[in-house]
Structures are given as structure tokens and as C-alpha cells.
Amino acid sequence: MGDMVIVGYRPKPGGEEELLALTREHVPMLRRFGLATDRPVLVMRAKGRVIVEVFEWRDGGITAAHEHPDVLAMWDRYVAVCDYVPLRELSETGDMFAQFEPVDL
């Protein structure tokens, strides 16, 4: 069993469609390289257009991802269209029951 990760992406101006396209490709690519599990991925939208993605790494997957050229190239594409957002910056996380808009990829 691996580790669950929750990550927030704030699209840069004009970058929301490309961000959604990358998010659509992200975990399937990680799975092809044996880096992420088959656990279903959740994608949602927070206030301020932040896209939140939840998925599970395989044991050792995150370390291997940081050495894989295709994954690194994809992450460079993310940097071009969004900024990473710590969860503590999402106003929803201050609520007892944080609510987000589901995103169907």
C-alpha cells in the first residue's frame, strides 16, 4: 500500500483548460510507469478555481517519479499553467465538512 496525496493547482490566467487536460493525463501516466495505484482518482474544484487532485502513490512511487524523465517533463508542463497551492490556503479546509465542486475529467 502506498501513500495518499492531495494536491492543489491554481491555474494561471488562461491556463485552466490545459491544467484540466494535464490532470486528465497525470495519474494514467503514473500508472503506466508503475508509480500510482489503481485506486480511483478524485478531482474537484475549490473556491478560486483551484483544482484539487487526490490519488495514491505505490510504495516508492514518488521517489521514482522524481527520477523519471517523462514524469518530470509533465510536471514542467504543470508549472507552465498553474501554481501549486498548499491545502491550508484553501478556505474550505477550515470548515468541519469541507465541500468542493466535483470535476469530471
PDB file of N, CA and C in Angstrom:
ATOM      1  N   MET A   1       0.849  -1.179   0.000  1.00  0.00           N
ATOM      2  CA  MET A   1       0.000   0.000   0.000  1.00  0.00           C
ATOM      3  C   MET A   1       0.890   1.236   0.000  1.00  0.00           C
ATOM      4  N   GLY A   2       0.495   2.235  -0.731  1.00  0.00           N
ATOM      5  CA  GLY A   2       1.275   3.458  -0.852  1.00  0.00           C
ATOM      6  C   GLY A   2       0.740   4.575   0.011  1.00  0.00           C
ATOM      7  N   ASP A   3       1.028   5.785  -0.386  1.00  0.00           N
ATOM      8  CA  ASP A   3       0.581   6.979   0.327  1.00  0.00           C
ATOM      9  C   ASP A   3      -0.431   7.737  -0.515  1.00  0.00           C
ATOM     10  N   MET A   4      -1.483   8.217   0.163  1.00  0.00           N
ATOM     11  CA  MET A   4      -2.454   9.090  -0.494  1.00  0.00           C
ATOM     12  C   MET A   4      -1.864  10.497  -0.547  1.00  0.00           C
ATOM     13  N   VAL A   5      -2.133  11.200  -1.631  1.00  0.00           N
ATOM     14  CA  VAL A   5      -1.676  12.582  -1.765  1.00  0.00           C
ATOM     15  C   VAL A   5      -2.859  13.440  -2.189  1.00  0.00           C
ATOM     16  N   ILE A   6      -2.890  14.646  -1.664  1.00  0.00           N
ATOM     17  CA  ILE A   6      -3.884  15.649  -2.057  1.00  0.00           C
ATOM     18  C   ILE A   6      -3.090  16.864  -2.501  1.00  0.00           C
ATOM     19  N   VAL A   7      -3.325  17.311  -3.716  1.00  0.00           N
ATOM     20  CA  VAL A   7      -2.566  18.443  -4.246  1.00  0.00           C
ATOM     21  C   VAL A   7      -3.527  19.462  -4.849  1.00  0.00           C
ATOM     22  N   GLY A   8      -3.204  20.736  -4.656  1.00  0.00           N
ATOM     23  CA  GLY A   8      -3.999  21.819  -5.231  1.00  0.00           C
ATOM     24  C   GLY A   8      -3.222  22.530  -6.321  1.00  0.00           C
ATOM     25  N   TYR A   9      -3.920  22.837  -7.415  1.00  0.00           N
ATOM     26  CA  TYR A   9      -3.322  23.541  -8.553  1.00  0.00           C
ATOM     27  C   TYR A   9      -4.175  24.778  -8.852  1.00  0.00           C
ATOM     28  N   ARG A  10      -3.589  25.968  -8.782  1.00  0.00           N
ATOM     29  CA  ARG A  10      -4.305  27.193  -9.168  1.00  0.00           C
ATOM     30  C   ARG A  10      -3.899  27.535 -10.592  1.00  0.00           C
ATOM     31  N   PRO A  11      -4.850  27.502 -11.530  1.00  0.00           N
ATOM     32  CA  PRO A  11      -4.477  27.796 -12.918  1.00  0.00           C
ATOM     33  C   PRO A  11      -4.012  29.237 -13.080  1.00  0.00           C
ATOM     34  N   LYS A  12      -2.976  29.402 -13.885  1.00  0.00           N
ATOM     35  CA  LYS A  12      -2.537  30.743 -14.263  1.00  0.00           C
ATOM     36  C   LYS A  12      -3.554  31.294 -15.256  1.00  0.00           C
ATOM     37  N   PRO A  13      -3.613  32.597 -15.448  1.00  0.00           N
ATOM     38  CA  PRO A  13      -4.580  33.159 -16.402  1.00  0.00           C
ATOM     39  C   PRO A  13      -4.500  32.456 -17.758  1.00  0.00           C
ATOM     40  N   GLY A  14      -5.644  31.989 -18.220  1.00  0.00           N
ATOM     41  CA  GLY A  14      -5.732  31.299 -19.494  1.00  0.00           C
ATOM     42  C   GLY A  14      -5.269  29.854 -19.462  1.00  0.00           C
ATOM     43  N   GLY A  15      -4.899  29.335 -18.292  1.00  0.00           N
ATOM     44  CA  GLY A  15      -4.345  28.001 -18.209  1.00  0.00           C
ATOM     45  C   GLY A  15      -5.287  26.909 -17.731  1.00  0.00           C
ATOM     46  N   GLU A  16      -6.541  27.241 -17.456  1.00  0.00           N
ATOM     47  CA  GLU A  16      -7.425  26.250 -16.844  1.00  0.00           C
ATOM     48  C   GLU A  16      -7.690  25.041 -17.739  1.00  0.00           C
ATOM     49  N   GLU A  17      -7.913  25.235 -19.016  1.00  0.00           N
ATOM     50  CA  GLU A  17      -8.193  24.097 -19.906  1.00  0.00           C
ATOM     51  C   GLU A  17      -6.975  23.182 -20.025  1.00  0.00           C
ATOM     52  N   GLU A  18      -5.786  23.770 -20.152  1.00  0.00           N
ATOM     53  CA  GLU A  18      -4.568  22.957 -20.226  1.00  0.00           C
ATOM     54  C   GLU A  18      -4.329  22.234 -18.905  1.00  0.00           C
ATOM     55  N   LEU A  19      -4.626  22.894 -17.791  1.00  0.00           N
ATOM     56  CA  LEU A  19      -4.489  22.253 -16.485  1.00  0.00           C
ATOM     57  C   LEU A  19      -5.406  21.034 -16.380  1.00  0.00           C
ATOM     58  N   LEU A  20      -6.637  21.177 -16.815  1.00  0.00           N
ATOM     59  CA  LEU A  20      -7.564  20.038 -16.785  1.00  0.00           C
ATOM     60  C   LEU A  20      -7.087  18.919 -17.701  1.00  0.00           C
ATOM     61  N   ALA A  21      -6.558  19.273 -18.865  1.00  0.00           N
ATOM     62  CA  ALA A  21      -6.026  18.254 -19.780  1.00  0.00           C
ATOM     63  C   ALA A  21      -4.850  17.519 -19.147  1.00  0.00           C
ATOM     64  N   LEU A  22      -3.956  18.251 -18.495  1.00  0.00           N
ATOM     65  CA  LEU A  22      -2.822  17.614 -17.814  1.00  0.00           C
ATOM     66  C   LEU A  22      -3.297  16.713 -16.682  1.00  0.00           C
ATOM     67  N   THR A  23      -4.274  17.182 -15.933  1.00  0.00           N
ATOM     68  CA  THR A  23      -4.794  16.400 -14.819  1.00  0.00           C
ATOM     69  C   THR A  23      -5.447  15.116 -15.327  1.00  0.00           C
ATOM     70  N   ARG A  24      -6.064  15.193 -16.480  1.00  0.00           N
ATOM     71  CA  ARG A  24      -6.648  14.007 -17.108  1.00  0.00           C
ATOM     72  C   ARG A  24      -5.559  12.972 -17.424  1.00  0.00           C
ATOM     73  N   GLU A  25      -4.379  13.414 -17.807  1.00  0.00           N
ATOM     74  CA  GLU A  25      -3.272  12.537 -18.196  1.00  0.00           C
ATOM     75  C   GLU A  25      -2.406  12.093 -17.018  1.00  0.00           C
ATOM     76  N   HIS A  26      -2.398  12.873 -15.944  1.00  0.00           N
ATOM     77  CA  HIS A  26      -1.419  12.729 -14.871  1.00  0.00           C
ATOM     78  C   HIS A  26      -1.352  11.330 -14.271  1.00  0.00           C
ATOM     79  N   VAL A  27      -2.400  10.906 -13.607  1.00  0.00           N
ATOM     80  CA  VAL A  27      -2.346   9.609 -12.925  1.00  0.00           C
ATOM     81  C   VAL A  27      -2.297   8.443 -13.910  1.00  0.00           C
ATOM     82  N   PRO A  28      -3.006   8.491 -15.045  1.00  0.00           N
ATOM     83  CA  PRO A  28      -2.807   7.402 -16.008  1.00  0.00           C
ATOM     84  C   PRO A  28      -1.337   7.228 -16.421  1.00  0.00           C
ATOM     85  N   MET A  29      -0.616   8.339 -16.574  1.00  0.00           N
ATOM     86  CA  MET A  29       0.811   8.235 -16.897  1.00  0.00           C
ATOM     87  C   MET A  29       1.574   7.601 -15.732  1.00  0.00           C
ATOM     88  N   LEU A  30       1.294   8.059 -14.524  1.00  0.00           N
ATOM     89  CA  LEU A  30       1.975   7.488 -13.361  1.00  0.00           C
ATOM     90  C   LEU A  30       1.707   5.985 -13.272  1.00  0.00           C
ATOM     91  N   ARG A  31       0.488   5.581 -13.563  1.00  0.00           N
ATOM     92  CA  ARG A  31       0.142   4.150 -13.532  1.00  0.00           C
ATOM     93  C   ARG A  31       0.909   3.368 -14.597  1.00  0.00           C
ATOM     94  N   ARG A  32       1.043   3.928 -15.797  1.00  0.00           N
ATOM     95  CA  ARG A  32       1.781   3.237 -16.869  1.00  0.00           C
ATOM     96  C   ARG A  32       3.205   2.914 -16.445  1.00  0.00           C
ATOM     97  N   PHE A  33       3.778   3.784 -15.626  1.00  0.00           N
ATOM     98  CA  PHE A  33       5.150   3.580 -15.171  1.00  0.00           C
ATOM     99  C   PHE A  33       5.206   2.861 -13.823  1.00  0.00           C
ATOM    100  N   GLY A  34       4.044   2.380 -13.351  1.00  0.00           N
ATOM    101  CA  GLY A  34       4.002   1.629 -12.099  1.00  0.00           C
ATOM    102  C   GLY A  34       4.197   2.475 -10.857  1.00  0.00           C
ATOM    103  N   LEU A  35       3.888   3.757 -10.943  1.00  0.00           N
ATOM    104  CA  LEU A  35       4.147   4.685  -9.844  1.00  0.00           C
ATOM    105  C   LEU A  35       2.921   4.973  -8.992  1.00  0.00           C
ATOM    106  N   ALA A  36       1.722   4.796  -9.533  1.00  0.00           N
ATOM    107  CA  ALA A  36       0.474   5.069  -8.810  1.00  0.00           C
ATOM    108  C   ALA A  36      -0.393   3.817  -8.820  1.00  0.00           C
ATOM    109  N   THR A  37      -1.223   3.688  -7.796  1.00  0.00           N
ATOM    110  CA  THR A  37      -2.105   2.526  -7.685  1.00  0.00           C
ATOM    111  C   THR A  37      -3.339   2.700  -8.575  1.00  0.00           C
ATOM    112  N   ASP A  38      -4.175   1.676  -8.591  1.00  0.00           N
ATOM    113  CA  ASP A  38      -5.424   1.725  -9.353  1.00  0.00           C
ATOM    114  C   ASP A  38      -6.579   2.323  -8.550  1.00  0.00           C
ATOM    115  N   ARG A  39      -6.296   2.768  -7.343  1.00  0.00           N
ATOM    116  CA  ARG A  39      -7.358   3.403  -6.545  1.00  0.00           C
ATOM    117  C   ARG A  39      -7.951   4.559  -7.351  1.00  0.00           C
ATOM    118  N   PRO A  40      -9.274   4.717  -7.344  1.00  0.00           N
ATOM    119  CA  PRO A  40      -9.880   5.804  -8.120  1.00  0.00           C
ATOM    120  C   PRO A  40      -9.333   7.178  -7.729  1.00  0.00           C
ATOM    121  N   VAL A  41      -9.168   8.010  -8.735  1.00  0.00           N
ATOM    122  CA  VAL A  41      -8.684   9.377  -8.555  1.00  0.00           C
ATOM    123  C   VAL A  41      -9.891  10.282  -8.347  1.00  0.00           C
ATOM    124  N   LEU A  42      -9.750  11.244  -7.442  1.00  0.00           N
ATOM    125  CA  LEU A  42     -10.786  12.254  -7.244  1.00  0.00           C
ATOM    126  C   LEU A  42     -10.232  13.593  -7.706  1.00  0.00           C
ATOM    127  N   VAL A  43     -11.032  14.320  -8.459  1.00  0.00           N
ATOM    128  CA  VAL A  43     -10.659  15.664  -8.890  1.00  0.00           C
ATOM    129  C   VAL A  43     -11.837  16.567  -8.584  1.00  0.00           C
ATOM    130  N   MET A  44     -11.531  17.713  -7.986  1.00  0.00           N
ATOM    131  CA  MET A  44     -12.588  18.640  -7.591  1.00  0.00           C
ATOM    132  C   MET A  44     -12.079  20.065  -7.728  1.00  0.00           C
ATOM    133  N   ARG A  45     -13.015  21.006  -7.646  1.00  0.00           N
ATOM    134  CA  ARG A  45     -12.661  22.420  -7.761  1.00  0.00           C
ATOM    135  C   ARG A  45     -12.994  23.106  -6.437  1.00  0.00           C
ATOM    136  N   ALA A  46     -12.027  23.841  -5.919  1.00  0.00           N
ATOM    137  CA  ALA A  46     -12.216  24.656  -4.722  1.00  0.00           C
ATOM    138  C   ALA A  46     -12.565  26.079  -5.155  1.00  0.00           C
ATOM    139  N   LYS A  47     -12.898  26.902  -4.191  1.00  0.00           N
ATOM    140  CA  LYS A  47     -13.121  28.320  -4.494  1.00  0.00           C
ATOM    141  C   LYS A  47     -11.849  28.894  -5.090  1.00  0.00           C
ATOM    142  N   GLY A  48     -11.988  29.896  -5.905  1.00  0.00           N
ATOM    143  CA  GLY A  48     -10.821  30.491  -6.533  1.00  0.00           C
ATOM    144  C   GLY A  48     -10.267  29.667  -7.680  1.00  0.00           C
ATOM    145  N   ARG A  49     -11.083  28.745  -8.218  1.00  0.00           N
ATOM    146  CA  ARG A  49     -10.738  27.937  -9.388  1.00  0.00           C
ATOM    147  C   ARG A  49      -9.622  26.929  -9.135  1.00  0.00           C
ATOM    148  N   VAL A  50      -9.240  26.688  -7.887  1.00  0.00           N
ATOM    149  CA  VAL A  50      -8.174  25.732  -7.584  1.00  0.00           C
ATOM    150  C   VAL A  50      -8.679  24.316  -7.856  1.00  0.00           C
ATOM    151  N   ILE A  51      -7.901  23.572  -8.628  1.00  0.00           N
ATOM    152  CA  ILE A  51      -8.207  22.172  -8.905  1.00  0.00           C
ATOM    153  C   ILE A  51      -7.503  21.334  -7.841  1.00  0.00           C
ATOM    154  N   VAL A  52      -8.246  20.430  -7.219  1.00  0.00           N
ATOM    155  CA  VAL A  52      -7.708  19.558  -6.176  1.00  0.00           C
ATOM    156  C   VAL A  52      -7.745  18.129  -6.703  1.00  0.00           C
ATOM    157  N   GLU A  53      -6.612  17.451  -6.611  1.00  0.00           N
ATOM    158  CA  GLU A  53      -6.491  16.073  -7.089  1.00  0.00           C
ATOM    159  C   GLU A  53      -6.086  15.180  -5.918  1.00  0.00           C
ATOM    160  N   VAL A  54      -6.735  14.013  -5.815  1.00  0.00           N
ATOM    161  CA  VAL A  54      -6.436  13.044  -4.764  1.00  0.00           C
ATOM    162  C   VAL A  54      -6.140  11.709  -5.443  1.00  0.00           C
ATOM    163  N   PHE A  55      -4.958  11.144  -5.138  1.00  0.00           N
ATOM    164  CA  PHE A  55      -4.610   9.843  -5.707  1.00  0.00           C
ATOM    165  C   PHE A  55      -3.643   9.135  -4.773  1.00  0.00           C
ATOM    166  N   GLU A  56      -3.320   7.877  -5.104  1.00  0.00           N
ATOM    167  CA  GLU A  56      -2.439   7.087  -4.261  1.00  0.00           C
ATOM    168  C   GLU A  56      -1.172   6.685  -5.017  1.00  0.00           C
ATOM    169  N   TRP A  57      -0.020   7.007  -4.424  1.00  0.00           N
ATOM    170  CA  TRP A  57       1.262   6.543  -4.938  1.00  0.00           C
ATOM    171  C   TRP A  57       1.475   5.087  -4.553  1.00  0.00           C
ATOM    172  N   ARG A  58       2.133   4.324  -5.384  1.00  0.00           N
ATOM    173  CA  ARG A  58       2.626   2.997  -4.987  1.00  0.00           C
ATOM    174  C   ARG A  58       3.805   3.215  -4.044  1.00  0.00           C
ATOM    175  N   ASP A  59       4.132   2.201  -3.256  1.00  0.00           N
ATOM    176  CA  ASP A  59       5.319   2.276  -2.408  1.00  0.00           C
ATOM    177  C   ASP A  59       6.527   2.619  -3.273  1.00  0.00           C
ATOM    178  N   GLY A  60       7.241   3.649  -2.911  1.00  0.00           N
ATOM    179  CA  GLY A  60       8.424   4.069  -3.652  1.00  0.00           C
ATOM    180  C   GLY A  60       8.123   4.863  -4.905  1.00  0.00           C
ATOM    181  N   GLY A  61       6.847   5.035  -5.234  1.00  0.00           N
ATOM    182  CA  GLY A  61       6.474   5.712  -6.473  1.00  0.00           C
ATOM    183  C   GLY A  61       6.896   7.156  -6.545  1.00  0.00           C
ATOM    184  N   ILE A  62       6.736   7.879  -5.452  1.00  0.00           N
ATOM    185  CA  ILE A  62       7.069   9.305  -5.501  1.00  0.00           C
ATOM    186  C   ILE A  62       8.567   9.514  -5.708  1.00  0.00           C
ATOM    187  N   THR A  63       9.383   8.672  -5.093  1.00  0.00           N
ATOM    188  CA  THR A  63      10.837   8.780  -5.281  1.00  0.00           C
ATOM    189  C   THR A  63      11.201   8.465  -6.730  1.00  0.00           C
ATOM    190  N   ALA A  64      10.634   7.390  -7.258  1.00  0.00           N
ATOM    191  CA  ALA A  64      10.919   7.010  -8.646  1.00  0.00           C
ATOM    192  C   ALA A  64      10.420   8.073  -9.625  1.00  0.00           C
ATOM    193  N   ALA A  65       9.286   8.701  -9.319  1.00  0.00           N
ATOM    194  CA  ALA A  65       8.736   9.737 -10.200  1.00  0.00           C
ATOM    195  C   ALA A  65       9.710  10.903 -10.343  1.00  0.00           C
ATOM    196  N   HIS A  66      10.394  11.246  -9.272  1.00  0.00           N
ATOM    197  CA  HIS A  66      11.335  12.369  -9.301  1.00  0.00           C
ATOM    198  C   HIS A  66      12.606  12.054 -10.086  1.00  0.00           C
ATOM    199  N   GLU A  67      12.707  10.823 -10.583  1.00  0.00           N
ATOM    200  CA  GLU A  67      13.852  10.430 -11.403  1.00  0.00           C
ATOM    201  C   GLU A  67      13.441  10.044 -12.822  1.00  0.00           C
ATOM    202  N   HIS A  68      12.135  10.075 -13.092  1.00  0.00           N
ATOM    203  CA  HIS A  68      11.634   9.620 -14.394  1.00  0.00           C
ATOM    204  C   HIS A  68      11.500  10.807 -15.350  1.00  0.00           C
ATOM    205  N   PRO A  69      12.200  10.795 -16.483  1.00  0.00           N
ATOM    206  CA  PRO A  69      12.191  11.956 -17.382  1.00  0.00           C
ATOM    207  C   PRO A  69      10.812  12.317 -17.929  1.00  0.00           C
ATOM    208  N   ASP A  70       9.968  11.328 -18.214  1.00  0.00           N
ATOM    209  CA  ASP A  70       8.630  11.648 -18.739  1.00  0.00           C
ATOM    210  C   ASP A  70       7.758  12.315 -17.680  1.00  0.00           C
ATOM    211  N   VAL A  71       7.872  11.862 -16.451  1.00  0.00           N
ATOM    212  CA  VAL A  71       7.100  12.467 -15.359  1.00  0.00           C
ATOM    213  C   VAL A  71       7.615  13.876 -15.099  1.00  0.00           C
ATOM    214  N   LEU A  72       8.903  14.057 -15.067  1.00  0.00           N
ATOM    215  CA  LEU A  72       9.478  15.384 -14.848  1.00  0.00           C
ATOM    216  C   LEU A  72       9.049  16.355 -15.951  1.00  0.00           C
ATOM    217  N   ALA A  73       8.995  15.866 -17.182  1.00  0.00           N
ATOM    218  CA  ALA A  73       8.550  16.717 -18.295  1.00  0.00           C
ATOM    219  C   ALA A  73       7.092  17.118 -18.114  1.00  0.00           C
ATOM    220  N   MET A  74       6.256  16.179 -17.652  1.00  0.00           N
ATOM    221  CA  MET A  74       4.854  16.521 -17.416  1.00  0.00           C
ATOM    222  C   MET A  74       4.746  17.552 -16.297  1.00  0.00           C
ATOM    223  N   TRP A  75       5.512  17.380 -15.250  1.00  0.00           N
ATOM    224  CA  TRP A  75       5.460  18.339 -14.147  1.00  0.00           C
ATOM    225  C   TRP A  75       5.931  19.719 -14.592  1.00  0.00           C
ATOM    226  N   ASP A  76       6.864  19.788 -15.536  1.00  0.00           N
ATOM    227  CA  ASP A  76       7.259  21.077 -16.109  1.00  0.00           C
ATOM    228  C   ASP A  76       6.083  21.728 -16.825  1.00  0.00           C
ATOM    229  N   ARG A  77       5.270  20.922 -17.492  1.00  0.00           N
ATOM    230  CA  ARG A  77       4.076  21.452 -18.166  1.00  0.00           C
ATOM    231  C   ARG A  77       3.087  21.999 -17.141  1.00  0.00           C
ATOM    232  N   TYR A  78       2.963  21.326 -15.988  1.00  0.00           N
ATOM    233  CA  TYR A  78       2.106  21.846 -14.911  1.00  0.00           C
ATOM    234  C   TYR A  78       2.577  23.235 -14.473  1.00  0.00           C
ATOM    235  N   VAL A  79       3.881  23.385 -14.257  1.00  0.00           N
ATOM    236  CA  VAL A  79       4.436  24.651 -13.782  1.00  0.00           C
ATOM    237  C   VAL A  79       4.127  25.786 -14.758  1.00  0.00           C
ATOM    238  N   ALA A  80       4.031  25.463 -16.034  1.00  0.00           N
ATOM    239  CA  ALA A  80       3.746  26.480 -17.047  1.00  0.00           C
ATOM    240  C   ALA A  80       2.306  26.992 -16.975  1.00  0.00           C
ATOM    241  N   VAL A  81       1.383  26.168 -16.459  1.00  0.00           N
ATOM    242  CA  VAL A  81      -0.039  26.558 -16.499  1.00  0.00           C
ATOM    243  C   VAL A  81      -0.674  26.752 -15.122  1.00  0.00           C
ATOM    244  N   CYS A  82       0.061  26.435 -14.035  1.00  0.00           N
ATOM    245  CA  CYS A  82      -0.550  26.570 -12.715  1.00  0.00           C
ATOM    246  C   CYS A  82       0.501  26.813 -11.645  1.00  0.00           C
ATOM    247  N   ASP A  83       0.009  27.206 -10.476  1.00  0.00           N
ATOM    248  CA  ASP A  83       0.822  27.300  -9.277  1.00  0.00           C
ATOM    249  C   ASP A  83       0.301  26.259  -8.296  1.00  0.00           C
ATOM    250  N   TYR A  84       1.206  25.614  -7.572  1.00  0.00           N
ATOM    251  CA  TYR A  84       0.804  24.649  -6.556  1.00  0.00           C
ATOM    252  C   TYR A  84       0.300  25.411  -5.332  1.00  0.00           C
ATOM    253  N   VAL A  85      -0.763  24.902  -4.724  1.00  0.00           N
ATOM    254  CA  VAL A  85      -1.405  25.577  -3.603  1.00  0.00           C
ATOM    255  C   VAL A  85      -1.428  24.643  -2.394  1.00  0.00           C
ATOM    256  N   PRO A  86      -0.800  25.037  -1.275  1.00  0.00           N
ATOM    257  CA  PRO A  86      -0.904  24.224  -0.068  1.00  0.00           C
ATOM    258  C   PRO A  86      -2.365  24.150   0.396  1.00  0.00           C
ATOM    259  N   LEU A  87      -2.771  23.008   0.886  1.00  0.00           N
ATOM    260  CA  LEU A  87      -4.167  22.838   1.312  1.00  0.00           C
ATOM    261  C   LEU A  87      -4.581  23.871   2.339  1.00  0.00           C
ATOM    262  N   ARG A  88      -3.677  24.276   3.226  1.00  0.00           N
ATOM    263  CA  ARG A  88      -4.033  25.239   4.268  1.00  0.00           C
ATOM    264  C   ARG A  88      -4.499  26.567   3.688  1.00  0.00           C
ATOM    265  N   GLU A  89      -4.185  26.832   2.409  1.00  0.00           N
ATOM    266  CA  GLU A  89      -4.612  28.074   1.766  1.00  0.00           C
ATOM    267  C   GLU A  89      -6.022  27.994   1.187  1.00  0.00           C
ATOM    268  N   LEU A  90      -6.619  26.809   1.184  1.00  0.00           N
ATOM    269  CA  LEU A  90      -7.982  26.659   0.676  1.00  0.00           C
ATOM    270  C   LEU A  90      -8.959  26.947   1.809  1.00  0.00           C
ATOM    271  N   SER A  91      -9.836  27.911   1.600  1.00  0.00           N
ATOM    272  CA  SER A  91     -10.767  28.298   2.671  1.00  0.00           C
ATOM    273  C   SER A  91     -11.630  27.123   3.118  1.00  0.00           C
ATOM    274  N   GLU A  92     -11.900  26.195   2.213  1.00  0.00           N
ATOM    275  CA  GLU A  92     -12.741  25.041   2.541  1.00  0.00           C
ATOM    276  C   GLU A  92     -12.146  24.192   3.662  1.00  0.00           C
ATOM    277  N   THR A  93     -10.830  24.160   3.774  1.00  0.00           N
ATOM    278  CA  THR A  93     -10.199  23.291   4.765  1.00  0.00           C
ATOM    279  C   THR A  93     -10.421  23.777   6.193  1.00  0.00           C
ATOM    280  N   GLY A  94     -10.920  24.991   6.356  1.00  0.00           N
ATOM    281  CA  GLY A  94     -11.256  25.494   7.681  1.00  0.00           C
ATOM    282  C   GLY A  94     -12.631  25.071   8.145  1.00  0.00           C
ATOM    283  N   ASP A  95     -13.422  24.469   7.270  1.00  0.00           N
ATOM    284  CA  ASP A  95     -14.776  24.035   7.602  1.00  0.00           C
ATOM    285  C   ASP A  95     -14.753  22.615   8.165  1.00  0.00           C
ATOM    286  N   MET A  96     -15.688  22.322   9.055  1.00  0.00           N
ATOM    287  CA  MET A  96     -15.790  20.976   9.620  1.00  0.00           C
ATOM    288  C   MET A  96     -15.961  19.938   8.515  1.00  0.00           C
ATOM    289  N   PHE A  97     -16.805  20.256   7.534  1.00  0.00           N
ATOM    290  CA  PHE A  97     -17.048  19.376   6.387  1.00  0.00           C
ATOM    291  C   PHE A  97     -16.700  20.171   5.131  1.00  0.00           C
ATOM    292  N   ALA A  98     -15.465  20.043   4.691  1.00  0.00           N
ATOM    293  CA  ALA A  98     -15.012  20.788   3.519  1.00  0.00           C
ATOM    294  C   ALA A  98     -15.769  20.322   2.281  1.00  0.00           C
ATOM    295  N   GLN A  99     -16.330  21.245   1.540  1.00  0.00           N
ATOM    296  CA  GLN A  99     -17.099  20.914   0.342  1.00  0.00           C
ATOM    297  C   GLN A  99     -16.419  21.486  -0.895  1.00  0.00           C
ATOM    298  N   PHE A 100     -16.383  20.657  -1.962  1.00  0.00           N
ATOM    299  CA  PHE A 100     -15.765  21.037  -3.214  1.00  0.00           C
ATOM    300  C   PHE A 100     -16.694  20.642  -4.352  1.00  0.00           C
ATOM    301  N   GLU A 101     -16.544  21.328  -5.480  1.00  0.00           N
ATOM    302  CA  GLU A 101     -17.305  21.013  -6.689  1.00  0.00           C
ATOM    303  C   GLU A 101     -16.628  19.846  -7.400  1.00  0.00           C
ATOM    304  N   PRO A 102     -17.362  18.745  -7.678  1.00  0.00           N
ATOM    305  CA  PRO A 102     -16.731  17.633  -8.405  1.00  0.00           C
ATOM    306  C   PRO A 102     -16.373  18.041  -9.834  1.00  0.00           C
ATOM    307  N   VAL A 103     -15.268  17.513 -10.329  1.00  0.00           N
ATOM    308  CA  VAL A 103     -14.830  17.766 -11.700  1.00  0.00           C
ATOM    309  C   VAL A 103     -14.786  16.410 -12.406  1.00  0.00           C
ATOM    310  N   ASP A 104     -15.521  16.296 -13.483  1.00  0.00           N
ATOM    311  CA  ASP A 104     -15.484  15.097 -14.313  1.00  0.00           C
ATOM    312  C   ASP A 104     -14.468  15.324 -15.421  1.00  0.00           C
ATOM    313  N   LEU A 105     -13.454  14.507 -15.414  1.00  0.00           N
ATOM    314  CA  LEU A 105     -12.416  14.645 -16.449  1.00  0.00           C
ATOM    315  C   LEU A 105     -12.810  13.823 -17.647  1.00  0.00           C
TER     316      LEU A 105
END
